[in-house]
Amino acid sequence: MANSAQARKRIRQSASRRQRNSGQRSKYRTYVKKVESAIIEGDSEQANNALKSAIPVLDKMVTKGILHKNTVARYKSRLTAKVRALA
């Protein structure tokens, strides 16, 4: 158990940040799944629209520090390639 006030505060901070980050992670995963499900269905228009809405969400995860910039670049590249392959 934390003995100092500083350690207790750090525990509170990390708990609130963990909760916030969890919601953000869930959000970007939902957007990626929407794109992937549209690709599986074979609907190129829906997949393209889903991709357009997912890219800004992924970029925001970089600025918030949830994901690394190269990870997001890889996600965007692979999803874009899959969507283009449908057309």
N, C-alpha and C. Protein backbone atom coordinates (compact mmCIF):
# COMPACT_ATOMS: atom_id res chain seq x y z
N MET A 1 0.84 -1.19 0.00
CA MET A 1 0.00 0.00 0.00
C MET A 1 0.88 1.24 0.00
N ALA A 2 0.38 2.30 -0.64
CA ALA A 2 1.15 3.54 -0.74
C ALA A 2 1.26 4.22 0.62
N ASN A 3 2.47 4.64 0.95
CA ASN A 3 2.69 5.27 2.24
C ASN A 3 2.74 6.79 2.16
N SER A 4 3.19 7.32 1.04
CA SER A 4 3.32 8.76 0.93
C SER A 4 2.12 9.36 0.21
N ALA A 5 1.92 10.63 0.41
CA ALA A 5 0.82 11.35 -0.26
C ALA A 5 1.03 11.34 -1.77
N GLN A 6 2.28 11.45 -2.16
CA GLN A 6 2.61 11.45 -3.59
C GLN A 6 2.23 10.12 -4.23
N ALA A 7 2.52 9.03 -3.55
CA ALA A 7 2.20 7.71 -4.09
C ALA A 7 0.69 7.49 -4.15
N ARG A 8 -0.03 7.98 -3.12
CA ARG A 8 -1.49 7.86 -3.14
C ARG A 8 -2.08 8.65 -4.30
N LYS A 9 -1.56 9.83 -4.55
CA LYS A 9 -2.04 10.66 -5.66
C LYS A 9 -1.75 9.97 -6.99
N ARG A 10 -0.58 9.39 -7.12
CA ARG A 10 -0.22 8.69 -8.35
C ARG A 10 -1.17 7.52 -8.62
N ILE A 11 -1.58 6.82 -7.58
CA ILE A 11 -2.53 5.71 -7.73
C ILE A 11 -3.87 6.24 -8.25
N ARG A 12 -4.32 7.36 -7.66
CA ARG A 12 -5.58 7.97 -8.13
C ARG A 12 -5.46 8.41 -9.59
N GLN A 13 -4.35 9.03 -9.94
CA GLN A 13 -4.16 9.51 -11.30
C GLN A 13 -4.13 8.35 -12.30
N SER A 14 -3.40 7.32 -11.96
CA SER A 14 -3.28 6.20 -12.89
C SER A 14 -4.61 5.48 -13.07
N ALA A 15 -5.42 5.43 -12.01
CA ALA A 15 -6.72 4.78 -12.12
C ALA A 15 -7.64 5.56 -13.05
N SER A 16 -7.65 6.88 -12.92
CA SER A 16 -8.53 7.68 -13.79
C SER A 16 -8.03 7.65 -15.22
N ARG A 17 -6.72 7.69 -15.42
CA ARG A 17 -6.16 7.63 -16.77
C ARG A 17 -6.41 6.28 -17.42
N ARG A 18 -6.31 5.23 -16.63
CA ARG A 18 -6.57 3.89 -17.15
C ARG A 18 -8.01 3.77 -17.63
N GLN A 19 -8.93 4.32 -16.86
CA GLN A 19 -10.34 4.28 -17.24
C GLN A 19 -10.58 5.09 -18.52
N ARG A 20 -10.00 6.27 -18.61
CA ARG A 20 -10.15 7.12 -19.79
C ARG A 20 -9.54 6.45 -21.02
N ASN A 21 -8.35 5.91 -20.86
CA ASN A 21 -7.67 5.25 -21.98
C ASN A 21 -8.43 4.02 -22.45
N SER A 22 -9.06 3.32 -21.53
CA SER A 22 -9.84 2.14 -21.88
C SER A 22 -10.99 2.52 -22.80
N GLY A 23 -11.66 3.60 -22.51
CA GLY A 23 -12.75 4.06 -23.36
C GLY A 23 -12.27 4.47 -24.73
N GLN A 24 -11.13 5.14 -24.77
CA GLN A 24 -10.56 5.57 -26.05
C GLN A 24 -10.15 4.36 -26.89
N ARG A 25 -9.55 3.36 -26.24
CA ARG A 25 -9.16 2.14 -26.95
C ARG A 25 -10.37 1.44 -27.54
N SER A 26 -11.44 1.37 -26.76
CA SER A 26 -12.66 0.74 -27.22
C SER A 26 -13.23 1.48 -28.43
N LYS A 27 -13.14 2.80 -28.40
CA LYS A 27 -13.67 3.62 -29.50
C LYS A 27 -12.94 3.33 -30.81
N TYR A 28 -11.60 3.34 -30.79
CA TYR A 28 -10.90 3.14 -32.05
C TYR A 28 -11.06 1.70 -32.55
N ARG A 29 -11.15 0.74 -31.63
CA ARG A 29 -11.36 -0.64 -32.05
C ARG A 29 -12.71 -0.81 -32.72
N THR A 30 -13.73 -0.10 -32.23
CA THR A 30 -15.06 -0.16 -32.84
C THR A 30 -15.02 0.36 -34.26
N TYR A 31 -14.32 1.47 -34.48
CA TYR A 31 -14.23 2.04 -35.82
C TYR A 31 -13.49 1.11 -36.78
N VAL A 32 -12.43 0.48 -36.29
CA VAL A 32 -11.69 -0.45 -37.14
C VAL A 32 -12.55 -1.66 -37.47
N LYS A 33 -13.33 -2.15 -36.51
CA LYS A 33 -14.20 -3.29 -36.76
C LYS A 33 -15.28 -2.97 -37.77
N LYS A 34 -15.77 -1.73 -37.77
CA LYS A 34 -16.77 -1.33 -38.75
C LYS A 34 -16.21 -1.41 -40.16
N VAL A 35 -14.97 -0.99 -40.33
CA VAL A 35 -14.33 -1.07 -41.64
C VAL A 35 -14.15 -2.52 -42.04
N GLU A 36 -13.65 -3.33 -41.11
CA GLU A 36 -13.38 -4.73 -41.43
C GLU A 36 -14.66 -5.50 -41.73
N SER A 37 -15.75 -5.20 -41.02
CA SER A 37 -17.00 -5.89 -41.29
C SER A 37 -17.56 -5.50 -42.65
N ALA A 38 -17.39 -4.24 -43.05
CA ALA A 38 -17.83 -3.81 -44.37
C ALA A 38 -17.01 -4.48 -45.46
N ILE A 39 -15.73 -4.70 -45.19
CA ILE A 39 -14.87 -5.38 -46.16
C ILE A 39 -15.31 -6.83 -46.30
N ILE A 40 -15.62 -7.48 -45.19
CA ILE A 40 -16.06 -8.87 -45.23
C ILE A 40 -17.38 -9.00 -45.99
N GLU A 41 -18.28 -8.03 -45.80
CA GLU A 41 -19.55 -8.05 -46.51
C GLU A 41 -19.37 -7.78 -48.00
N GLY A 42 -18.27 -7.15 -48.37
CA GLY A 42 -17.99 -6.87 -49.77
C GLY A 42 -18.62 -5.57 -50.25
N ASP A 43 -19.08 -4.74 -49.34
CA ASP A 43 -19.71 -3.47 -49.69
C ASP A 43 -18.63 -2.39 -49.74
N SER A 44 -18.18 -2.04 -50.95
CA SER A 44 -17.06 -1.11 -51.07
C SER A 44 -17.44 0.30 -50.67
N GLU A 45 -18.68 0.72 -50.94
CA GLU A 45 -19.08 2.08 -50.57
C GLU A 45 -19.16 2.23 -49.06
N GLN A 46 -19.74 1.26 -48.40
CA GLN A 46 -19.83 1.30 -46.94
C GLN A 46 -18.43 1.21 -46.31
N ALA A 47 -17.58 0.39 -46.88
CA ALA A 47 -16.21 0.26 -46.37
C ALA A 47 -15.45 1.56 -46.53
N ASN A 48 -15.65 2.22 -47.66
CA ASN A 48 -14.96 3.48 -47.91
C ASN A 48 -15.43 4.55 -46.93
N ASN A 49 -16.74 4.63 -46.69
CA ASN A 49 -17.27 5.59 -45.73
C ASN A 49 -16.78 5.29 -44.31
N ALA A 50 -16.74 4.02 -43.95
CA ALA A 50 -16.26 3.62 -42.62
C ALA A 50 -14.79 3.97 -42.45
N LEU A 51 -14.02 3.79 -43.53
CA LEU A 51 -12.59 4.11 -43.48
C LEU A 51 -12.39 5.62 -43.30
N LYS A 52 -13.18 6.41 -44.02
CA LYS A 52 -13.08 7.87 -43.90
C LYS A 52 -13.40 8.35 -42.50
N SER A 53 -14.31 7.67 -41.83
CA SER A 53 -14.63 8.07 -40.46
C SER A 53 -13.63 7.49 -39.45
N ALA A 54 -12.96 6.39 -39.79
CA ALA A 54 -12.03 5.76 -38.86
C ALA A 54 -10.67 6.46 -38.84
N ILE A 55 -10.25 7.01 -39.95
CA ILE A 55 -8.91 7.61 -40.04
C ILE A 55 -8.73 8.77 -39.05
N PRO A 56 -9.68 9.72 -38.96
CA PRO A 56 -9.49 10.79 -37.96
C PRO A 56 -9.48 10.27 -36.52
N VAL A 57 -10.25 9.24 -36.25
CA VAL A 57 -10.26 8.67 -34.90
C VAL A 57 -8.90 8.05 -34.58
N LEU A 58 -8.33 7.33 -35.55
CA LEU A 58 -7.01 6.73 -35.34
C LEU A 58 -5.94 7.81 -35.15
N ASP A 59 -6.03 8.88 -35.95
CA ASP A 59 -5.05 9.97 -35.81
C ASP A 59 -5.16 10.62 -34.43
N LYS A 60 -6.36 10.71 -33.91
CA LYS A 60 -6.55 11.32 -32.61
C LYS A 60 -5.94 10.45 -31.51
N MET A 61 -5.91 9.14 -31.71
CA MET A 61 -5.31 8.25 -30.72
C MET A 61 -3.81 8.51 -30.60
N VAL A 62 -3.19 8.95 -31.68
CA VAL A 62 -1.76 9.28 -31.63
C VAL A 62 -1.55 10.52 -30.79
N THR A 63 -2.37 11.56 -31.02
CA THR A 63 -2.19 12.80 -30.28
C THR A 63 -2.50 12.62 -28.80
N LYS A 64 -3.40 11.70 -28.47
CA LYS A 64 -3.74 11.44 -27.07
C LYS A 64 -2.74 10.49 -26.41
N GLY A 65 -1.87 9.87 -27.20
CA GLY A 65 -0.86 8.97 -26.64
C GLY A 65 -1.37 7.57 -26.39
N ILE A 66 -2.50 7.21 -26.99
CA ILE A 66 -3.05 5.87 -26.81
C ILE A 66 -2.29 4.87 -27.68
N LEU A 67 -1.99 5.28 -28.91
CA LEU A 67 -1.28 4.43 -29.86
C LEU A 67 -0.05 5.14 -30.39
N HIS A 68 0.93 4.37 -30.82
CA HIS A 68 2.13 4.91 -31.44
C HIS A 68 1.82 5.29 -32.88
N LYS A 69 2.52 6.30 -33.38
CA LYS A 69 2.23 6.80 -34.73
C LYS A 69 2.47 5.75 -35.80
N ASN A 70 3.46 4.90 -35.62
CA ASN A 70 3.72 3.86 -36.63
C ASN A 70 2.65 2.78 -36.61
N THR A 71 2.09 2.52 -35.45
CA THR A 71 1.00 1.55 -35.34
C THR A 71 -0.21 2.05 -36.10
N VAL A 72 -0.53 3.33 -35.94
CA VAL A 72 -1.67 3.91 -36.64
C VAL A 72 -1.41 3.96 -38.14
N ALA A 73 -0.19 4.26 -38.53
CA ALA A 73 0.15 4.28 -39.95
C ALA A 73 -0.04 2.89 -40.55
N ARG A 74 0.34 1.88 -39.81
CA ARG A 74 0.18 0.50 -40.29
C ARG A 74 -1.29 0.14 -40.41
N TYR A 75 -2.11 0.50 -39.41
CA TYR A 75 -3.56 0.26 -39.47
C TYR A 75 -4.15 0.92 -40.71
N LYS A 76 -3.84 2.20 -40.90
CA LYS A 76 -4.42 2.96 -42.00
C LYS A 76 -3.99 2.37 -43.35
N SER A 77 -2.74 2.00 -43.45
CA SER A 77 -2.23 1.46 -44.70
C SER A 77 -2.91 0.14 -45.05
N ARG A 78 -3.00 -0.74 -44.07
CA ARG A 78 -3.61 -2.06 -44.35
C ARG A 78 -5.10 -1.95 -44.65
N LEU A 79 -5.81 -1.11 -43.90
CA LEU A 79 -7.23 -0.95 -44.15
C LEU A 79 -7.49 -0.32 -45.51
N THR A 80 -6.68 0.68 -45.86
CA THR A 80 -6.84 1.34 -47.16
C THR A 80 -6.59 0.36 -48.29
N ALA A 81 -5.59 -0.48 -48.14
CA ALA A 81 -5.28 -1.47 -49.19
C ALA A 81 -6.43 -2.45 -49.34
N LYS A 82 -7.02 -2.87 -48.23
CA LYS A 82 -8.15 -3.81 -48.31
C LYS A 82 -9.36 -3.18 -48.95
N VAL A 83 -9.62 -1.91 -48.63
CA VAL A 83 -10.78 -1.22 -49.21
C VAL A 83 -10.56 -1.01 -50.71
N ARG A 84 -9.36 -0.66 -51.11
CA ARG A 84 -9.07 -0.47 -52.54
C ARG A 84 -9.16 -1.77 -53.31
N ALA A 85 -8.84 -2.87 -52.66
CA ALA A 85 -8.91 -4.17 -53.32
C ALA A 85 -10.37 -4.56 -53.63
N LEU A 86 -11.32 -4.01 -52.85
CA LEU A 86 -12.73 -4.30 -53.11
C LEU A 86 -13.19 -3.64 -54.41
N ALA A 87 -12.69 -2.45 -54.68
CA ALA A 87 -13.17 -1.68 -55.85
C ALA A 87 -12.67 -2.22 -57.17
